[in-house]
PDB file of all heavy atoms in Angstrom:
ATOM      1  N   GLY A   1     -64.792  22.194 -38.763  1.00  0.00           N
ATOM      2  CA  GLY A   1     -63.532  21.583 -38.375  1.00  0.00           C
ATOM      3  C   GLY A   1     -62.450  22.611 -38.117  1.00  0.00           C
ATOM      4  O   GLY A   1     -61.662  22.476 -37.177  1.00  0.00           O
ATOM      5  N   HIS A   2     -62.411  23.667 -38.933  1.00  0.00           N
ATOM      6  CA  HIS A   2     -61.421  24.726 -38.742  1.00  0.00           C
ATOM      7  C   HIS A   2     -61.667  25.465 -37.433  1.00  0.00           C
ATOM      8  O   HIS A   2     -60.717  25.771 -36.686  1.00  0.00           O
ATOM      9  CB  HIS A   2     -61.492  25.689 -39.918  1.00  0.00           C
ATOM     10  CG  HIS A   2     -60.415  26.724 -39.929  1.00  0.00           C
ATOM     11  ND1 HIS A   2     -59.116  26.441 -40.291  1.00  0.00           N
ATOM     12  CD2 HIS A   2     -60.443  28.041 -39.594  1.00  0.00           C
ATOM     13  CE1 HIS A   2     -58.387  27.544 -40.192  1.00  0.00           C
ATOM     14  NE2 HIS A   2     -59.168  28.522 -39.775  1.00  0.00           N
ATOM     15  N   LEU A   3     -62.930  25.746 -37.125  1.00  0.00           N
ATOM     16  CA  LEU A   3     -63.259  26.440 -35.876  1.00  0.00           C
ATOM     17  C   LEU A   3     -62.948  25.567 -34.665  1.00  0.00           C
ATOM     18  O   LEU A   3     -62.459  26.053 -33.637  1.00  0.00           O
ATOM     19  CB  LEU A   3     -64.743  26.828 -35.889  1.00  0.00           C
ATOM     20  CG  LEU A   3     -65.257  27.623 -34.678  1.00  0.00           C
ATOM     21  CD1 LEU A   3     -64.491  28.923 -34.537  1.00  0.00           C
ATOM     22  CD2 LEU A   3     -66.744  27.880 -34.810  1.00  0.00           C
ATOM     23  N   GLU A   4     -63.214  24.278 -34.768  1.00  0.00           N
ATOM     24  CA  GLU A   4     -62.905  23.371 -33.663  1.00  0.00           C
ATOM     25  C   GLU A   4     -61.402  23.310 -33.398  1.00  0.00           C
ATOM     26  O   GLU A   4     -60.962  23.262 -32.244  1.00  0.00           O
ATOM     27  CB  GLU A   4     -63.445  21.982 -33.973  1.00  0.00           C
ATOM     28  CG  GLU A   4     -64.960  21.880 -33.907  1.00  0.00           C
ATOM     29  CD  GLU A   4     -65.455  20.485 -34.267  1.00  0.00           C
ATOM     30  OE1 GLU A   4     -64.594  19.619 -34.571  1.00  0.00           O
ATOM     31  OE2 GLU A   4     -66.667  20.267 -34.233  1.00  0.00           O
ATOM     32  N   LYS A   5     -60.597  23.324 -34.461  1.00  0.00           N
ATOM     33  CA  LYS A   5     -59.144  23.318 -34.271  1.00  0.00           C
ATOM     34  C   LYS A   5     -58.668  24.579 -33.567  1.00  0.00           C
ATOM     35  O   LYS A   5     -57.786  24.530 -32.703  1.00  0.00           O
ATOM     36  CB  LYS A   5     -58.450  23.172 -35.626  1.00  0.00           C
ATOM     37  CG  LYS A   5     -58.594  21.795 -36.253  1.00  0.00           C
ATOM     38  CD  LYS A   5     -57.875  21.732 -37.591  1.00  0.00           C
ATOM     39  CE  LYS A   5     -58.021  20.359 -38.223  1.00  0.00           C
ATOM     40  NZ  LYS A   5     -57.340  20.283 -39.544  1.00  0.00           N
ATOM     41  N   LEU A   6     -59.267  25.718 -33.929  1.00  0.00           N
ATOM     42  CA  LEU A   6     -58.898  26.969 -33.265  1.00  0.00           C
ATOM     43  C   LEU A   6     -59.238  26.930 -31.777  1.00  0.00           C
ATOM     44  O   LEU A   6     -58.441  27.327 -30.925  1.00  0.00           O
ATOM     45  CB  LEU A   6     -59.605  28.143 -33.933  1.00  0.00           C
ATOM     46  CG  LEU A   6     -59.010  28.664 -35.246  1.00  0.00           C
ATOM     47  CD1 LEU A   6     -59.924  29.720 -35.849  1.00  0.00           C
ATOM     48  CD2 LEU A   6     -57.627  29.243 -35.011  1.00  0.00           C
ATOM     49  N   LEU A   7     -60.428  26.425 -31.456  1.00  0.00           N
ATOM     50  CA  LEU A   7     -60.843  26.366 -30.053  1.00  0.00           C
ATOM     51  C   LEU A   7     -60.005  25.362 -29.269  1.00  0.00           C
ATOM     52  O   LEU A   7     -59.632  25.614 -28.116  1.00  0.00           O
ATOM     53  CB  LEU A   7     -62.332  26.004 -29.975  1.00  0.00           C
ATOM     54  CG  LEU A   7     -63.307  27.036 -30.549  1.00  0.00           C
ATOM     55  CD1 LEU A   7     -64.733  26.525 -30.485  1.00  0.00           C
ATOM     56  CD2 LEU A   7     -63.178  28.360 -29.806  1.00  0.00           C
ATOM     57  N   GLU A   8     -59.706  24.219 -29.874  1.00  0.00           N
ATOM     58  CA  GLU A   8     -58.877  23.232 -29.196  1.00  0.00           C
ATOM     59  C   GLU A   8     -57.463  23.760 -28.946  1.00  0.00           C
ATOM     60  O   GLU A   8     -56.898  23.574 -27.866  1.00  0.00           O
ATOM     61  CB  GLU A   8     -58.816  21.949 -30.028  1.00  0.00           C
ATOM     62  CG  GLU A   8     -60.119  21.166 -30.033  1.00  0.00           C
ATOM     63  CD  GLU A   8     -60.037  19.947 -30.931  1.00  0.00           C
ATOM     64  OE1 GLU A   8     -58.961  19.730 -31.534  1.00  0.00           O
ATOM     65  OE2 GLU A   8     -61.038  19.207 -31.017  1.00  0.00           O
ATOM     66  N   GLY A   9     -56.902  24.423 -29.960  1.00  0.00           N
ATOM     67  CA  GLY A   9     -55.564  24.993 -29.786  1.00  0.00           C
ATOM     68  C   GLY A   9     -55.544  26.072 -28.715  1.00  0.00           C
ATOM     69  O   GLY A   9     -54.598  26.150 -27.928  1.00  0.00           O
ATOM     70  N   ARG A  10     -56.583  26.884 -28.650  1.00  0.00           N
ATOM     71  CA  ARG A  10     -56.646  27.934 -27.632  1.00  0.00           C
ATOM     72  C   ARG A  10     -56.761  27.326 -26.240  1.00  0.00           C
ATOM     73  O   ARG A  10     -56.104  27.782 -25.296  1.00  0.00           O
ATOM     74  CB  ARG A  10     -57.835  28.854 -27.917  1.00  0.00           C
ATOM     75  CG  ARG A  10     -57.916  30.049 -26.979  1.00  0.00           C
ATOM     76  CD  ARG A  10     -59.084  30.940 -27.348  1.00  0.00           C
ATOM     77  NE  ARG A  10     -59.184  32.060 -26.446  1.00  0.00           N
ATOM     78  CZ  ARG A  10     -58.501  33.200 -26.567  1.00  0.00           C
ATOM     79  NH1 ARG A  10     -57.693  33.349 -27.593  1.00  0.00           N
ATOM     80  NH2 ARG A  10     -58.640  34.181 -25.708  1.00  0.00           N
ATOM     81  N   GLY A  11     -57.592  26.283 -26.102  1.00  0.00           N
ATOM     82  CA  GLY A  11     -57.726  25.638 -24.799  1.00  0.00           C
ATOM     83  C   GLY A  11     -56.435  24.972 -24.351  1.00  0.00           C
ATOM     84  O   GLY A  11     -56.042  25.050 -23.174  1.00  0.00           O
ATOM     85  N   LEU A  12     -55.750  24.309 -25.286  1.00  0.00           N
ATOM     86  CA  LEU A  12     -54.472  23.677 -24.951  1.00  0.00           C
ATOM     87  C   LEU A  12     -53.431  24.710 -24.564  1.00  0.00           C
ATOM     88  O   LEU A  12     -52.662  24.508 -23.609  1.00  0.00           O
ATOM     89  CB  LEU A  12     -53.991  22.852 -26.148  1.00  0.00           C
ATOM     90  CG  LEU A  12     -52.639  22.137 -25.985  1.00  0.00           C
ATOM     91  CD1 LEU A  12     -52.674  21.155 -24.835  1.00  0.00           C
ATOM     92  CD2 LEU A  12     -52.254  21.432 -27.283  1.00  0.00           C
ATOM     93  N   LEU A  13     -53.406  25.838 -25.270  1.00  0.00           N
ATOM     94  CA  LEU A  13     -52.431  26.880 -24.953  1.00  0.00           C
ATOM     95  C   LEU A  13     -52.710  27.494 -23.585  1.00  0.00           C
ATOM     96  O   LEU A  13     -51.769  27.851 -22.857  1.00  0.00           O
ATOM     97  CB  LEU A  13     -52.468  27.953 -26.041  1.00  0.00           C
ATOM     98  CG  LEU A  13     -51.316  28.961 -26.039  1.00  0.00           C
ATOM     99  CD1 LEU A  13     -49.979  28.245 -26.192  1.00  0.00           C
ATOM    100  CD2 LEU A  13     -51.494  29.963 -27.167  1.00  0.00           C
ATOM    101  N   GLN A  14     -53.969  27.612 -23.206  1.00  0.00           N
ATOM    102  CA  GLN A  14     -54.303  28.114 -21.872  1.00  0.00           C
ATOM    103  C   GLN A  14     -53.792  27.177 -20.787  1.00  0.00           C
ATOM    104  O   GLN A  14     -53.238  27.620 -19.761  1.00  0.00           O
ATOM    105  CB  GLN A  14     -55.816  28.299 -21.747  1.00  0.00           C
ATOM    106  CG  GLN A  14     -56.366  29.493 -22.509  1.00  0.00           C
ATOM    107  CD  GLN A  14     -57.861  29.612 -22.376  1.00  0.00           C
ATOM    108  OE1 GLN A  14     -58.538  28.692 -21.890  1.00  0.00           O
ATOM    109  NE2 GLN A  14     -58.420  30.725 -22.829  1.00  0.00           N
ATOM    110  N   LYS A  15     -53.942  25.882 -20.988  1.00  0.00           N
ATOM    111  CA  LYS A  15     -53.454  24.919 -19.998  1.00  0.00           C
ATOM    112  C   LYS A  15     -51.936  24.949 -19.897  1.00  0.00           C
ATOM    113  O   LYS A  15     -51.370  24.930 -18.792  1.00  0.00           O
ATOM    114  CB  LYS A  15     -53.937  23.514 -20.365  1.00  0.00           C
ATOM    115  CG  LYS A  15     -55.442  23.332 -20.270  1.00  0.00           C
ATOM    116  CD  LYS A  15     -55.853  21.945 -20.708  1.00  0.00           C
ATOM    117  CE  LYS A  15     -57.365  21.781 -20.660  1.00  0.00           C
ATOM    118  NZ  LYS A  15     -57.797  20.440 -21.135  1.00  0.00           N
ATOM    119  N   LEU A  16     -51.260  24.995 -21.040  1.00  0.00           N
ATOM    120  CA  LEU A  16     -49.800  25.038 -21.026  1.00  0.00           C
ATOM    121  C   LEU A  16     -49.294  26.315 -20.358  1.00  0.00           C
ATOM    122  O   LEU A  16     -48.304  26.288 -19.611  1.00  0.00           O
ATOM    123  CB  LEU A  16     -49.266  24.945 -22.462  1.00  0.00           C
ATOM    124  CG  LEU A  16     -49.490  23.608 -23.177  1.00  0.00           C
ATOM    125  CD1 LEU A  16     -49.069  23.708 -24.640  1.00  0.00           C
ATOM    126  CD2 LEU A  16     -48.711  22.492 -22.489  1.00  0.00           C
ATOM    127  N   THR A  17     -49.981  27.429 -20.598  1.00  0.00           N
ATOM    128  CA  THR A  17     -49.603  28.686 -19.957  1.00  0.00           C
ATOM    129  C   THR A  17     -49.748  28.599 -18.442  1.00  0.00           C
ATOM    130  O   THR A  17     -48.881  29.055 -17.690  1.00  0.00           O
ATOM    131  CB  THR A  17     -50.474  29.824 -20.500  1.00  0.00           C
ATOM    132  OG1 THR A  17     -50.292  29.919 -21.917  1.00  0.00           O
ATOM    133  CG2 THR A  17     -50.104  31.144 -19.868  1.00  0.00           C
ATOM    134  N   GLY A  18     -50.837  27.991 -17.991  1.00  0.00           N
ATOM    135  CA  GLY A  18     -51.032  27.809 -16.553  1.00  0.00           C
ATOM    136  C   GLY A  18     -49.948  26.951 -15.925  1.00  0.00           C
ATOM    137  O   GLY A  18     -49.466  27.235 -14.816  1.00  0.00           O
ATOM    138  N   PHE A  19     -49.521  25.897 -16.632  1.00  0.00           N
ATOM    139  CA  PHE A  19     -48.444  25.047 -16.121  1.00  0.00           C
ATOM    140  C   PHE A  19     -47.127  25.814 -16.023  1.00  0.00           C
ATOM    141  O   PHE A  19     -46.377  25.668 -15.046  1.00  0.00           O
ATOM    142  CB  PHE A  19     -48.281  23.817 -17.012  1.00  0.00           C
ATOM    143  CG  PHE A  19     -49.273  22.738 -16.745  1.00  0.00           C
ATOM    144  CD1 PHE A  19     -50.101  22.263 -17.762  1.00  0.00           C
ATOM    145  CD2 PHE A  19     -49.397  22.175 -15.493  1.00  0.00           C
ATOM    146  CE1 PHE A  19     -51.021  21.266 -17.515  1.00  0.00           C
ATOM    147  CE2 PHE A  19     -50.316  21.176 -15.233  1.00  0.00           C
ATOM    148  CZ  PHE A  19     -51.138  20.720 -16.256  1.00  0.00           C
ATOM    149  N   HIS A  20     -46.815  26.626 -17.033  1.00  0.00           N
ATOM    150  CA  HIS A  20     -45.574  27.419 -17.011  1.00  0.00           C
ATOM    151  C   HIS A  20     -45.540  28.338 -15.789  1.00  0.00           C
ATOM    152  O   HIS A  20     -44.528  28.393 -15.065  1.00  0.00           O
ATOM    153  CB  HIS A  20     -45.460  28.262 -18.285  1.00  0.00           C
ATOM    154  CG  HIS A  20     -44.921  27.520 -19.457  1.00  0.00           C
ATOM    155  ND1 HIS A  20     -43.597  27.134 -19.563  1.00  0.00           N
ATOM    156  CD2 HIS A  20     -45.517  27.085 -20.599  1.00  0.00           C
ATOM    157  CE1 HIS A  20     -43.407  26.503 -20.702  1.00  0.00           C
ATOM    158  NE2 HIS A  20     -44.555  26.466 -21.351  1.00  0.00           N
ATOM    159  N   ILE A  21     -46.620  29.062 -15.560  1.00  0.00           N
ATOM    160  CA  ILE A  21     -46.656  30.018 -14.452  1.00  0.00           C
ATOM    161  C   ILE A  21     -46.618  29.288 -13.109  1.00  0.00           C
ATOM    162  O   ILE A  21     -45.941  29.725 -12.165  1.00  0.00           O
ATOM    163  CB  ILE A  21     -47.908  30.905 -14.580  1.00  0.00           C
ATOM    164  CG1 ILE A  21     -47.826  31.744 -15.871  1.00  0.00           C
ATOM    165  CG2 ILE A  21     -48.060  31.822 -13.378  1.00  0.00           C
ATOM    166  CD1 ILE A  21     -49.055  32.562 -16.157  1.00  0.00           C
ATOM    167  N   THR A  22     -47.320  28.153 -13.011  1.00  0.00           N
ATOM    168  CA  THR A  22     -47.299  27.381 -11.767  1.00  0.00           C
ATOM    169  C   THR A  22     -45.904  26.866 -11.452  1.00  0.00           C
ATOM    170  O   THR A  22     -45.433  26.944 -10.301  1.00  0.00           O
ATOM    171  CB  THR A  22     -48.290  26.214 -11.871  1.00  0.00           C
ATOM    172  OG1 THR A  22     -49.603  26.714 -12.151  1.00  0.00           O
ATOM    173  CG2 THR A  22     -48.324  25.419 -10.578  1.00  0.00           C
ATOM    174  N   ILE A  23     -45.218  26.331 -12.454  1.00  0.00           N
ATOM    175  CA  ILE A  23     -43.858  25.825 -12.251  1.00  0.00           C
ATOM    176  C   ILE A  23     -42.918  26.953 -11.840  1.00  0.00           C
ATOM    177  O   ILE A  23     -42.016  26.763 -11.007  1.00  0.00           O
ATOM    178  CB  ILE A  23     -43.370  25.116 -13.524  1.00  0.00           C
ATOM    179  CG1 ILE A  23     -44.147  23.822 -13.735  1.00  0.00           C
ATOM    180  CG2 ILE A  23     -41.880  24.813 -13.456  1.00  0.00           C
ATOM    181  CD1 ILE A  23     -43.856  23.152 -15.059  1.00  0.00           C
ATOM    182  N   ALA A  24     -43.117  28.152 -12.386  1.00  0.00           N
ATOM    183  CA  ALA A  24     -42.275  29.287 -12.012  1.00  0.00           C
ATOM    184  C   ALA A  24     -42.434  29.622 -10.530  1.00  0.00           C
ATOM    185  O   ALA A  24     -41.434  29.818  -9.813  1.00  0.00           O
ATOM    186  CB  ALA A  24     -42.632  30.494 -12.878  1.00  0.00           C
ATOM    187  N   PHE A  25     -43.661  29.663 -10.051  1.00  0.00           N
ATOM    188  CA  PHE A  25     -43.875  29.985  -8.632  1.00  0.00           C
ATOM    189  C   PHE A  25     -43.408  28.850  -7.717  1.00  0.00           C
ATOM    190  O   PHE A  25     -42.940  29.109  -6.601  1.00  0.00           O
ATOM    191  CB  PHE A  25     -45.353  30.306  -8.387  1.00  0.00           C
ATOM    192  CG  PHE A  25     -45.750  31.675  -8.845  1.00  0.00           C
ATOM    193  CD1 PHE A  25     -46.581  31.843  -9.948  1.00  0.00           C
ATOM    194  CD2 PHE A  25     -45.293  32.808  -8.193  1.00  0.00           C
ATOM    195  CE1 PHE A  25     -46.938  33.112 -10.371  1.00  0.00           C
ATOM    196  CE2 PHE A  25     -45.649  34.081  -8.613  1.00  0.00           C
ATOM    197  CZ  PHE A  25     -46.478  34.237  -9.703  1.00  0.00           C
ATOM    198  N   VAL A  26     -43.517  27.610  -8.166  1.00  0.00           N
ATOM    199  CA  VAL A  26     -42.991  26.485  -7.376  1.00  0.00           C
ATOM    200  C   VAL A  26     -41.473  26.585  -7.253  1.00  0.00           C
ATOM    201  O   VAL A  26     -40.898  26.342  -6.174  1.00  0.00           O
ATOM    202  CB  VAL A  26     -43.416  25.151  -8.011  1.00  0.00           C
ATOM    203  CG1 VAL A  26     -42.656  23.984  -7.379  1.00  0.00           C
ATOM    204  CG2 VAL A  26     -44.911  24.933  -7.842  1.00  0.00           C
ATOM    205  N   HIS A  27     -40.809  26.952  -8.345  1.00  0.00           N
ATOM    206  CA  HIS A  27     -39.353  27.140  -8.297  1.00  0.00           C
ATOM    207  C   HIS A  27     -38.982  28.255  -7.322  1.00  0.00           C
ATOM    208  O   HIS A  27     -38.007  28.120  -6.554  1.00  0.00           O
ATOM    209  CB  HIS A  27     -38.814  27.468  -9.696  1.00  0.00           C
ATOM    210  CG  HIS A  27     -38.446  26.266 -10.494  1.00  0.00           C
ATOM    211  ND1 HIS A  27     -39.366  25.366 -10.954  1.00  0.00           N
ATOM    212  CD2 HIS A  27     -37.223  25.805 -10.914  1.00  0.00           C
ATOM    213  CE1 HIS A  27     -38.748  24.410 -11.635  1.00  0.00           C
ATOM    214  NE2 HIS A  27     -37.443  24.651 -11.610  1.00  0.00           N
ATOM    215  N   LEU A  28     -39.721  29.339  -7.344  1.00  0.00           N
ATOM    216  CA  LEU A  28     -39.431  30.431  -6.415  1.00  0.00           C
ATOM    217  C   LEU A  28     -39.634  29.998  -4.965  1.00  0.00           C
ATOM    218  O   LEU A  28     -38.812  30.325  -4.086  1.00  0.00           O
ATOM    219  CB  LEU A  28     -40.329  31.633  -6.731  1.00  0.00           C
ATOM    220  CG  LEU A  28     -39.990  32.442  -7.986  1.00  0.00           C
ATOM    221  CD1 LEU A  28     -41.041  33.520  -8.225  1.00  0.00           C
ATOM    222  CD2 LEU A  28     -38.610  33.079  -7.854  1.00  0.00           C
TER     223      LEU A  28
END
């Protein structure tokens, strides 16, 4: 369960990071 939480959090953070960078380039 602890390992699954780490992997889920890492995957979610990757998606959120991609959204941040995409929104930045759309604004530009």
